[in-house]
C-alpha atoms as a PDB file:
ATOM      1  CA  MET A   1      -0.007  -0.037   0.064  1.00  0.00           C
ATOM      2  CA  ASP A   2       1.614   2.956  -0.937  1.00  0.00           C
ATOM      3  CA  SER A   3       1.178   6.620   0.559  1.00  0.00           C
ATOM      4  CA  VAL A   4      -1.368   7.799  -1.631  1.00  0.00           C
ATOM      5  CA  ASN A   5      -3.703   5.116  -0.584  1.00  0.00           C
ATOM      6  CA  VAL A   6      -3.056   5.710   3.070  1.00  0.00           C
ATOM      7  CA  MET A   7      -3.773   9.554   2.516  1.00  0.00           C
ATOM      8  CA  ILE A   8      -6.990   8.751   0.528  1.00  0.00           C
ATOM      9  CA  LEU A   9      -8.418   6.214   2.849  1.00  0.00           C
ATOM     10  CA  PRO A  10      -9.700   8.978   5.781  1.00  0.00           C
ATOM     11  CA  VAL A  11     -11.184  10.717   3.156  1.00  0.00           C
ATOM     12  CA  ALA A  12     -13.135   7.959   1.684  1.00  0.00           C
ATOM     13  CA  PHE A  13     -14.329   7.283   5.133  1.00  0.00           C
ATOM     14  CA  VAL A  14     -15.482  10.641   5.506  1.00  0.00           C
ATOM     15  CA  PHE A  15     -17.257  11.127   2.296  1.00  0.00           C
ATOM     16  CA  GLY A  16     -19.232   7.471   3.074  1.00  0.00           C
ATOM     17  CA  LYS A  17     -20.244   9.138   6.464  1.00  0.00           C
ATOM     18  CA  PHE A  18     -21.384  12.293   4.876  1.00  0.00           C
ATOM     19  CA  GLY A  19     -23.115  10.463   2.229  1.00  0.00           C
ATOM     20  CA  LYS A  20     -24.994   8.413   4.619  1.00  0.00           C
ATOM     21  CA  MET A  21     -25.822  11.297   6.833  1.00  0.00           C
ATOM     22  CA  TYR A  22     -26.979  13.824   3.771  1.00  0.00           C
ATOM     23  CA  PRO A  23     -28.153  11.367   0.985  1.00  0.00           C
ATOM     24  CA  SER A  24     -28.721  14.059  -1.624  1.00  0.00           C
ATOM     25  CA  ALA A  25     -27.646  13.997  -5.246  1.00  0.00           C
ATOM     26  CA  GLY A  26     -25.205  17.130  -4.680  1.00  0.00           C
ATOM     27  CA  GLY A  27     -22.218  15.086  -3.660  1.00  0.00           C
ATOM     28  CA  SER A  28     -19.169  17.232  -2.329  1.00  0.00           C
ATOM     29  CA  ALA A  29     -20.975  20.378  -2.827  1.00  0.00           C
ATOM     30  CA  THR A  30     -23.727  19.605  -0.680  1.00  0.00           C
ATOM     31  CA  PHE A  31     -21.234  18.706   2.072  1.00  0.00           C
ATOM     32  CA  VAL A  32     -19.263  21.974   1.742  1.00  0.00           C
ATOM     33  CA  GLY A  33     -22.501  24.046   1.657  1.00  0.00           C
ATOM     34  CA  THR A  34     -23.853  22.259   4.613  1.00  0.00           C
ATOM     35  CA  ALA A  35     -20.661  22.894   6.314  1.00  0.00           C
ATOM     36  CA  PHE A  36     -19.898  26.269   5.256  1.00  0.00           C
ATOM     37  CA  GLY A  37     -23.617  27.946   4.309  1.00  0.00           C
ATOM     38  CA  PHE A  38     -23.512  31.378   2.741  1.00  0.00           C
ATOM     39  CA  LEU A  39     -19.686  31.575   2.494  1.00  0.00           C
ATOM     40  CA  TYR A  40     -19.613  28.561   0.266  1.00  0.00           C
ATOM     41  CA  LEU A  41     -21.839  30.524  -2.424  1.00  0.00           C
ATOM     42  CA  SER A  42     -20.034  33.754  -1.708  1.00  0.00           C
ATOM     43  CA  ILE A  43     -16.786  31.864  -3.174  1.00  0.00           C
ATOM     44  CA  ILE A  44     -18.503  31.233  -6.409  1.00  0.00           C
ATOM     45  CA  PRO A  45     -17.905  34.459  -7.922  1.00  0.00           C
ATOM     46  CA  ILE A  46     -14.461  35.328  -6.741  1.00  0.00           C
ATOM     47  CA  GLY A  47     -12.913  31.904  -7.667  1.00  0.00           C
ATOM     48  CA  PRO A  48     -12.820  32.451 -11.310  1.00  0.00           C
ATOM     49  CA  LEU A  49     -11.471  35.791 -11.040  1.00  0.00           C
ATOM     50  CA  ILE A  50      -8.753  34.546  -9.068  1.00  0.00           C
ATOM     51  CA  ILE A  51      -7.906  31.593 -11.351  1.00  0.00           C
ATOM     52  CA  CYS A  52      -7.926  34.445 -14.462  1.00  0.00           C
ATOM     53  CA  PHE A  53      -5.503  36.511 -12.602  1.00  0.00           C
ATOM     54  CA  SER A  54      -3.023  33.696 -11.207  1.00  0.00           C
ATOM     55  CA  ILE A  55      -2.415  32.367 -14.971  1.00  0.00           C
ATOM     56  CA  TYR A  56      -0.811  35.735 -15.993  1.00  0.00           C
END
């Protein structure tokens, strides 16, 4: 078992637990939105601008 498998294993367990707690079709977007609420939605208009400016 290499180090990537060891690092991804806890993430897989957490996503499995979240999937059981919040069984909607949203996936990771639902989990992050539930955790951070309005802050998650406020990042959407800012993220693309950051990416555009970081390329140049």
